[in-house]
């Protein structure tokens, strides 16, 4: 049986070593970890049917910026 997930090391822009979990059917990275053991464990979880079973929608992986609305709210109603 062919594996849907693999993991490999890669340096990010800050020269940190990350372990990336790659989903073969969709050709996209679905997770990043600092430790190889965590990446291996997550791959195993995904191979056993966790997540989207090999077909993660790309919109799920989009990074959305976190906004701190408390500062604006406090300034408006102070």
PDB file of N, CA and C in Angstrom:
ATOM      1  N   UNK A   1       0.845  -1.185   0.000  1.00  0.00           N
ATOM      2  CA  UNK A   1       0.000   0.000   0.000  1.00  0.00           C
ATOM      3  C   UNK A   1       0.893   1.253   0.000  1.00  0.00           C
ATOM      4  N   UNK A   2       0.545   2.183  -0.828  1.00  0.00           N
ATOM      5  CA  UNK A   2       1.313   3.421  -0.965  1.00  0.00           C
ATOM      6  C   UNK A   2       0.974   4.375   0.172  1.00  0.00           C
ATOM      7  N   UNK A   3       1.994   5.018   0.706  1.00  0.00           N
ATOM      8  CA  UNK A   3       1.782   5.983   1.788  1.00  0.00           C
ATOM      9  C   UNK A   3       1.296   7.311   1.232  1.00  0.00           C
ATOM     10  N   UNK A   4       0.387   7.925   1.949  1.00  0.00           N
ATOM     11  CA  UNK A   4      -0.122   9.238   1.560  1.00  0.00           C
ATOM     12  C   UNK A   4       0.695  10.376   2.161  1.00  0.00           C
ATOM     13  N   UNK A   5       1.475  10.072   3.201  1.00  0.00           N
ATOM     14  CA  UNK A   5       2.191  11.125   3.920  1.00  0.00           C
ATOM     15  C   UNK A   5       3.654  10.754   4.117  1.00  0.00           C
ATOM     16  N   UNK A   6       4.508  11.747   3.983  1.00  0.00           N
ATOM     17  CA  UNK A   6       5.920  11.607   4.286  1.00  0.00           C
ATOM     18  C   UNK A   6       6.351  12.840   5.077  1.00  0.00           C
ATOM     19  N   UNK A   7       7.526  12.773   5.680  1.00  0.00           N
ATOM     20  CA  UNK A   7       8.051  13.956   6.359  1.00  0.00           C
ATOM     21  C   UNK A   7       9.533  14.089   6.045  1.00  0.00           C
ATOM     22  N   UNK A   8       9.989  15.326   6.032  1.00  0.00           N
ATOM     23  CA  UNK A   8      11.378  15.599   5.673  1.00  0.00           C
ATOM     24  C   UNK A   8      11.839  16.885   6.347  1.00  0.00           C
ATOM     25  N   UNK A   9      13.161  17.038   6.542  1.00  0.00           N
ATOM     26  CA  UNK A   9      13.682  18.246   7.182  1.00  0.00           C
ATOM     27  C   UNK A   9      13.909  19.361   6.162  1.00  0.00           C
ATOM     28  N   UNK A  10      13.714  20.592   6.617  1.00  0.00           N
ATOM     29  CA  UNK A  10      13.979  21.753   5.778  1.00  0.00           C
ATOM     30  C   UNK A  10      14.206  22.959   6.677  1.00  0.00           C
ATOM     31  N   UNK A  11      15.098  23.849   6.266  1.00  0.00           N
ATOM     32  CA  UNK A  11      15.338  25.071   7.029  1.00  0.00           C
ATOM     33  C   UNK A  11      14.342  26.138   6.605  1.00  0.00           C
ATOM     34  N   UNK A  12      13.808  26.876   7.584  1.00  0.00           N
ATOM     35  CA  UNK A  12      12.910  27.981   7.261  1.00  0.00           C
ATOM     36  C   UNK A  12      13.725  29.252   7.042  1.00  0.00           C
ATOM     37  N   UNK A  13      13.057  30.380   6.862  1.00  0.00           N
ATOM     38  CA  UNK A  13      13.732  31.649   6.588  1.00  0.00           C
ATOM     39  C   UNK A  13      14.614  32.099   7.747  1.00  0.00           C
ATOM     40  N   UNK A  14      14.283  31.705   8.954  1.00  0.00           N
ATOM     41  CA  UNK A  14      15.066  32.068  10.133  1.00  0.00           C
ATOM     42  C   UNK A  14      16.154  31.068  10.459  1.00  0.00           C
ATOM     43  N   UNK A  15      16.457  30.170   9.534  1.00  0.00           N
ATOM     44  CA  UNK A  15      17.463  29.121   9.706  1.00  0.00           C
ATOM     45  C   UNK A  15      17.136  28.130  10.817  1.00  0.00           C
ATOM     46  N   UNK A  16      15.849  27.975  11.128  1.00  0.00           N
ATOM     47  CA  UNK A  16      15.416  26.943  12.061  1.00  0.00           C
ATOM     48  C   UNK A  16      15.170  25.663  11.272  1.00  0.00           C
ATOM     49  N   UNK A  17      15.586  24.536  11.816  1.00  0.00           N
ATOM     50  CA  UNK A  17      15.317  23.261  11.173  1.00  0.00           C
ATOM     51  C   UNK A  17      13.896  22.833  11.526  1.00  0.00           C
ATOM     52  N   UNK A  18      13.068  22.639  10.502  1.00  0.00           N
ATOM     53  CA  UNK A  18      11.699  22.190  10.697  1.00  0.00           C
ATOM     54  C   UNK A  18      11.512  20.845  10.007  1.00  0.00           C
ATOM     55  N   UNK A  19      10.613  20.066  10.531  1.00  0.00           N
ATOM     56  CA  UNK A  19      10.211  18.815   9.901  1.00  0.00           C
ATOM     57  C   UNK A  19       8.845  19.048   9.284  1.00  0.00           C
ATOM     58  N   UNK A  20       8.768  18.918   7.960  1.00  0.00           N
ATOM     59  CA  UNK A  20       7.539  19.183   7.229  1.00  0.00           C
ATOM     60  C   UNK A  20       6.829  17.876   6.910  1.00  0.00           C
ATOM     61  N   UNK A  21       5.526  17.848   7.130  1.00  0.00           N
ATOM     62  CA  UNK A  21       4.706  16.689   6.782  1.00  0.00           C
ATOM     63  C   UNK A  21       4.048  16.991   5.442  1.00  0.00           C
ATOM     64  N   UNK A  22       4.318  16.128   4.469  1.00  0.00           N
ATOM     65  CA  UNK A  22       3.891  16.331   3.087  1.00  0.00           C
ATOM     66  C   UNK A  22       2.804  15.323   2.733  1.00  0.00           C
ATOM     67  N   UNK A  23       1.736  15.819   2.146  1.00  0.00           N
ATOM     68  CA  UNK A  23       0.628  14.972   1.717  1.00  0.00           C
ATOM     69  C   UNK A  23       0.787  14.697   0.222  1.00  0.00           C
ATOM     70  N   UNK A  24       1.058  13.454  -0.132  1.00  0.00           N
ATOM     71  CA  UNK A  24       1.339  13.071  -1.518  1.00  0.00           C
ATOM     72  C   UNK A  24       0.175  13.337  -2.485  1.00  0.00           C
ATOM     73  N   UNK A  25      -1.059  12.897  -2.183  1.00  0.00           N
ATOM     74  CA  UNK A  25      -2.141  13.063  -3.164  1.00  0.00           C
ATOM     75  C   UNK A  25      -2.427  14.526  -3.533  1.00  0.00           C
ATOM     76  N   UNK A  26      -2.248  15.439  -2.592  1.00  0.00           N
ATOM     77  CA  UNK A  26      -2.549  16.843  -2.870  1.00  0.00           C
ATOM     78  C   UNK A  26      -1.299  17.675  -3.115  1.00  0.00           C
ATOM     79  N   UNK A  27      -0.121  17.076  -2.931  1.00  0.00           N
ATOM     80  CA  UNK A  27       1.167  17.754  -3.145  1.00  0.00           C
ATOM     81  C   UNK A  27       1.286  19.032  -2.327  1.00  0.00           C
ATOM     82  N   UNK A  28       0.944  18.934  -1.034  1.00  0.00           N
ATOM     83  CA  UNK A  28       1.061  20.108  -0.175  1.00  0.00           C
ATOM     84  C   UNK A  28       1.574  19.733   1.213  1.00  0.00           C
ATOM     85  N   UNK A  29       2.255  20.690   1.828  1.00  0.00           N
ATOM     86  CA  UNK A  29       2.727  20.520   3.197  1.00  0.00           C
ATOM     87  C   UNK A  29       1.545  20.783   4.118  1.00  0.00           C
ATOM     88  N   UNK A  30       1.256  19.824   5.004  1.00  0.00           N
ATOM     89  CA  UNK A  30       0.092  19.955   5.874  1.00  0.00           C
ATOM     90  C   UNK A  30       0.445  20.288   7.313  1.00  0.00           C
ATOM     91  N   UNK A  31       1.738  20.196   7.677  1.00  0.00           N
ATOM     92  CA  UNK A  31       2.134  20.515   9.052  1.00  0.00           C
ATOM     93  C   UNK A  31       3.638  20.745   9.123  1.00  0.00           C
ATOM     94  N   UNK A  32       4.056  21.485  10.149  1.00  0.00           N
ATOM     95  CA  UNK A  32       5.470  21.744  10.417  1.00  0.00           C
ATOM     96  C   UNK A  32       5.744  21.454  11.886  1.00  0.00           C
ATOM     97  N   UNK A  33       6.906  20.832  12.167  1.00  0.00           N
ATOM     98  CA  UNK A  33       7.283  20.508  13.533  1.00  0.00           C
ATOM     99  C   UNK A  33       8.754  20.823  13.755  1.00  0.00           C
ATOM    100  N   UNK A  34       9.108  21.123  14.987  1.00  0.00           N
ATOM    101  CA  UNK A  34      10.501  21.343  15.343  1.00  0.00           C
ATOM    102  C   UNK A  34      11.227  20.024  15.616  1.00  0.00           C
ATOM    103  N   UNK A  35      10.471  18.980  15.939  1.00  0.00           N
ATOM    104  CA  UNK A  35      11.078  17.703  16.310  1.00  0.00           C
ATOM    105  C   UNK A  35      10.644  16.598  15.357  1.00  0.00           C
ATOM    106  N   UNK A  36      11.607  15.779  14.958  1.00  0.00           N
ATOM    107  CA  UNK A  36      11.331  14.679  14.035  1.00  0.00           C
ATOM    108  C   UNK A  36      10.311  13.699  14.616  1.00  0.00           C
ATOM    109  N   UNK A  37      10.410  13.416  15.898  1.00  0.00           N
ATOM    110  CA  UNK A  37       9.467  12.479  16.528  1.00  0.00           C
ATOM    111  C   UNK A  37       8.028  12.959  16.398  1.00  0.00           C
ATOM    112  N   UNK A  38       7.816  14.264  16.541  1.00  0.00           N
ATOM    113  CA  UNK A  38       6.464  14.811  16.409  1.00  0.00           C
ATOM    114  C   UNK A  38       5.948  14.664  14.981  1.00  0.00           C
ATOM    115  N   UNK A  39       6.816  14.914  13.999  1.00  0.00           N
ATOM    116  CA  UNK A  39       6.426  14.764  12.596  1.00  0.00           C
ATOM    117  C   UNK A  39       6.101  13.308  12.283  1.00  0.00           C
ATOM    118  N   UNK A  40       6.909  12.388  12.789  1.00  0.00           N
ATOM    119  CA  UNK A  40       6.671  10.965  12.560  1.00  0.00           C
ATOM    120  C   UNK A  40       5.355  10.522  13.183  1.00  0.00           C
ATOM    121  N   UNK A  41       5.092  10.989  14.391  1.00  0.00           N
ATOM    122  CA  UNK A  41       3.850  10.635  15.079  1.00  0.00           C
ATOM    123  C   UNK A  41       2.635  11.183  14.333  1.00  0.00           C
ATOM    124  N   UNK A  42       2.747  12.412  13.830  1.00  0.00           N
ATOM    125  CA  UNK A  42       1.633  13.013  13.093  1.00  0.00           C
ATOM    126  C   UNK A  42       1.402  12.283  11.769  1.00  0.00           C
ATOM    127  N   UNK A  43       2.480  11.901  11.085  1.00  0.00           N
ATOM    128  CA  UNK A  43       2.347  11.112   9.857  1.00  0.00           C
ATOM    129  C   UNK A  43       1.610   9.810  10.129  1.00  0.00           C
ATOM    130  N   UNK A  44       1.973   9.165  11.204  1.00  0.00           N
ATOM    131  CA  UNK A  44       1.329   7.910  11.578  1.00  0.00           C
ATOM    132  C   UNK A  44      -0.161   8.127  11.852  1.00  0.00           C
ATOM    133  N   UNK A  45      -0.479   9.202  12.568  1.00  0.00           N
ATOM    134  CA  UNK A  45      -1.875   9.553  12.841  1.00  0.00           C
ATOM    135  C   UNK A  45      -2.647   9.750  11.534  1.00  0.00           C
ATOM    136  N   UNK A  46      -2.045  10.494  10.606  1.00  0.00           N
ATOM    137  CA  UNK A  46      -2.711  10.762   9.334  1.00  0.00           C
ATOM    138  C   UNK A  46      -2.855   9.500   8.495  1.00  0.00           C
ATOM    139  N   UNK A  47      -1.849   8.640   8.494  1.00  0.00           N
ATOM    140  CA  UNK A  47      -1.917   7.389   7.733  1.00  0.00           C
ATOM    141  C   UNK A  47      -3.018   6.470   8.243  1.00  0.00           C
ATOM    142  N   UNK A  48      -3.324   6.565   9.531  1.00  0.00           N
ATOM    143  CA  UNK A  48      -4.391   5.738  10.119  1.00  0.00           C
ATOM    144  C   UNK A  48      -5.776   6.362   9.916  1.00  0.00           C
ATOM    145  N   UNK A  49      -5.866   7.426   9.113  1.00  0.00           N
ATOM    146  CA  UNK A  49      -7.178   8.002   8.795  1.00  0.00           C
ATOM    147  C   UNK A  49      -7.496   9.301   9.490  1.00  0.00           C
ATOM    148  N   UNK A  50      -6.558   9.834  10.280  1.00  0.00           N
ATOM    149  CA  UNK A  50      -6.800  11.119  10.923  1.00  0.00           C
ATOM    150  C   UNK A  50      -6.807  12.239   9.899  1.00  0.00           C
ATOM    151  N   UNK A  51      -7.337  13.355  10.256  1.00  0.00           N
ATOM    152  CA  UNK A  51      -7.361  14.496   9.336  1.00  0.00           C
ATOM    153  C   UNK A  51      -8.351  14.278   8.209  1.00  0.00           C
ATOM    154  N   UNK A  52      -7.906  14.496   6.987  1.00  0.00           N
ATOM    155  CA  UNK A  52      -8.787  14.417   5.825  1.00  0.00           C
ATOM    156  C   UNK A  52      -8.507  13.198   4.961  1.00  0.00           C
ATOM    157  N   UNK A  53      -7.826  12.212   5.519  1.00  0.00           N
ATOM    158  CA  UNK A  53      -7.584  10.937   4.844  1.00  0.00           C
ATOM    159  C   UNK A  53      -6.935  11.103   3.470  1.00  0.00           C
ATOM    160  N   UNK A  54      -5.948  11.984   3.386  1.00  0.00           N
ATOM    161  CA  UNK A  54      -5.194  12.131   2.151  1.00  0.00           C
ATOM    162  C   UNK A  54      -5.666  13.219   1.217  1.00  0.00           C
ATOM    163  N   UNK A  55      -6.721  13.943   1.590  1.00  0.00           N
ATOM    164  CA  UNK A  55      -7.250  14.972   0.699  1.00  0.00           C
ATOM    165  C   UNK A  55      -7.582  16.247   1.466  1.00  0.00           C
ATOM    166  N   UNK A  56      -6.567  16.845   2.068  1.00  0.00           N
ATOM    167  CA  UNK A  56      -6.750  18.071   2.840  1.00  0.00           C
ATOM    168  C   UNK A  56      -7.060  19.227   1.899  1.00  0.00           C
ATOM    169  N   UNK A  57      -8.197  19.909   2.084  1.00  0.00           N
ATOM    170  CA  UNK A  57      -8.504  21.074   1.245  1.00  0.00           C
ATOM    171  C   UNK A  57      -7.478  22.181   1.493  1.00  0.00           C
ATOM    172  N   UNK A  58      -7.054  22.851   0.447  1.00  0.00           N
ATOM    173  CA  UNK A  58      -6.006  23.866   0.579  1.00  0.00           C
ATOM    174  C   UNK A  58      -6.432  25.031   1.465  1.00  0.00           C
ATOM    175  N   UNK A  59      -7.733  25.350   1.503  1.00  0.00           N
ATOM    176  CA  UNK A  59      -8.165  26.479   2.334  1.00  0.00           C
ATOM    177  C   UNK A  59      -7.945  26.215   3.823  1.00  0.00           C
ATOM    178  N   UNK A  60      -7.887  24.959   4.216  1.00  0.00           N
ATOM    179  CA  UNK A  60      -7.654  24.616   5.616  1.00  0.00           C
ATOM    180  C   UNK A  60      -6.225  24.988   6.027  1.00  0.00           C
ATOM    181  N   UNK A  61      -5.312  25.001   5.075  1.00  0.00           N
ATOM    182  CA  UNK A  61      -3.908  25.247   5.369  1.00  0.00           C
ATOM    183  C   UNK A  61      -3.504  26.716   5.264  1.00  0.00           C
ATOM    184  N   UNK A  62      -4.410  27.570   4.838  1.00  0.00           N
ATOM    185  CA  UNK A  62      -4.080  28.990   4.719  1.00  0.00           C
ATOM    186  C   UNK A  62      -3.868  29.590   6.091  1.00  0.00           C
ATOM    187  N   UNK A  63      -2.817  30.375   6.204  1.00  0.00           N
ATOM    188  CA  UNK A  63      -2.514  31.028   7.469  1.00  0.00           C
ATOM    189  C   UNK A  63      -3.234  32.375   7.507  1.00  0.00           C
ATOM    190  N   UNK A  64      -4.019  32.575   8.530  1.00  0.00           N
ATOM    191  CA  UNK A  64      -4.780  33.807   8.702  1.00  0.00           C
ATOM    192  C   UNK A  64      -4.114  34.619   9.804  1.00  0.00           C
ATOM    193  N   UNK A  65      -3.842  35.897   9.542  1.00  0.00           N
ATOM    194  CA  UNK A  65      -3.184  36.704  10.576  1.00  0.00           C
ATOM    195  C   UNK A  65      -4.078  36.881  11.800  1.00  0.00           C
ATOM    196  N   UNK A  66      -3.445  36.836  12.963  1.00  0.00           N
ATOM    197  CA  UNK A  66      -4.170  37.072  14.211  1.00  0.00           C
ATOM    198  C   UNK A  66      -4.220  38.569  14.466  1.00  0.00           C
ATOM    199  N   UNK A  67      -5.390  39.098  14.683  1.00  0.00           N
ATOM    200  CA  UNK A  67      -5.547  40.517  14.968  1.00  0.00           C
ATOM    201  C   UNK A  67      -5.917  40.694  16.429  1.00  0.00           C
ATOM    202  N   UNK A  68      -5.286  41.652  17.072  1.00  0.00           N
ATOM    203  CA  UNK A  68      -5.614  41.950  18.453  1.00  0.00           C
ATOM    204  C   UNK A  68      -6.616  43.110  18.449  1.00  0.00           C
ATOM    205  N   UNK A  69      -7.897  42.762  18.504  1.00  0.00           N
ATOM    206  CA  UNK A  69      -8.927  43.804  18.452  1.00  0.00           C
ATOM    207  C   UNK A  69      -9.105  44.488  19.800  1.00  0.00           C
ATOM    208  N   UNK A  70      -8.543  43.924  20.849  1.00  0.00           N
ATOM    209  CA  UNK A  70      -8.693  44.519  22.180  1.00  0.00           C
ATOM    210  C   UNK A  70      -8.074  45.905  22.252  1.00  0.00           C
ATOM    211  N   UNK A  71      -6.935  46.104  21.603  1.00  0.00           N
ATOM    212  CA  UNK A  71      -6.273  47.413  21.629  1.00  0.00           C
ATOM    213  C   UNK A  71      -7.157  48.476  20.965  1.00  0.00           C
ATOM    214  N   UNK A  72      -7.699  48.153  19.806  1.00  0.00           N
ATOM    215  CA  UNK A  72      -8.573  49.102  19.109  1.00  0.00           C
ATOM    216  C   UNK A  72      -9.856  49.357  19.893  1.00  0.00           C
ATOM    217  N   UNK A  73     -10.398  48.331  20.465  1.00  0.00           N
ATOM    218  CA  UNK A  73     -11.616  48.459  21.254  1.00  0.00           C
ATOM    219  C   UNK A  73     -11.382  49.338  22.473  1.00  0.00           C
ATOM    220  N   UNK A  74     -10.268  49.112  23.173  1.00  0.00           N
ATOM    221  CA  UNK A  74      -9.944  49.894  24.361  1.00  0.00           C
ATOM    222  C   UNK A  74      -9.735  51.367  24.001  1.00  0.00           C
ATOM    223  N   UNK A  75      -9.067  51.625  22.882  1.00  0.00           N
ATOM    224  CA  UNK A  75      -8.811  53.013  22.468  1.00  0.00           C
ATOM    225  C   UNK A  75     -10.111  53.714  22.099  1.00  0.00           C
ATOM    226  N   UNK A  76     -11.016  53.002  21.495  1.00  0.00           N
ATOM    227  CA  UNK A  76     -12.284  53.595  21.054  1.00  0.00           C
ATOM    228  C   UNK A  76     -13.202  53.916  22.216  1.00  0.00           C
ATOM    229  N   UNK A  77     -13.210  53.067  23.220  1.00  0.00           N
ATOM    230  CA  UNK A  77     -14.165  53.223  24.326  1.00  0.00           C
ATOM    231  C   UNK A  77     -13.511  53.609  25.644  1.00  0.00           C
ATOM    232  N   UNK A  78     -12.313  54.144  25.587  1.00  0.00           N
ATOM    233  CA  UNK A  78     -11.621  54.537  26.818  1.00  0.00           C
ATOM    234  C   UNK A  78     -12.111  55.875  27.322  1.00  0.00           C
TER     235      UNK A  78
END
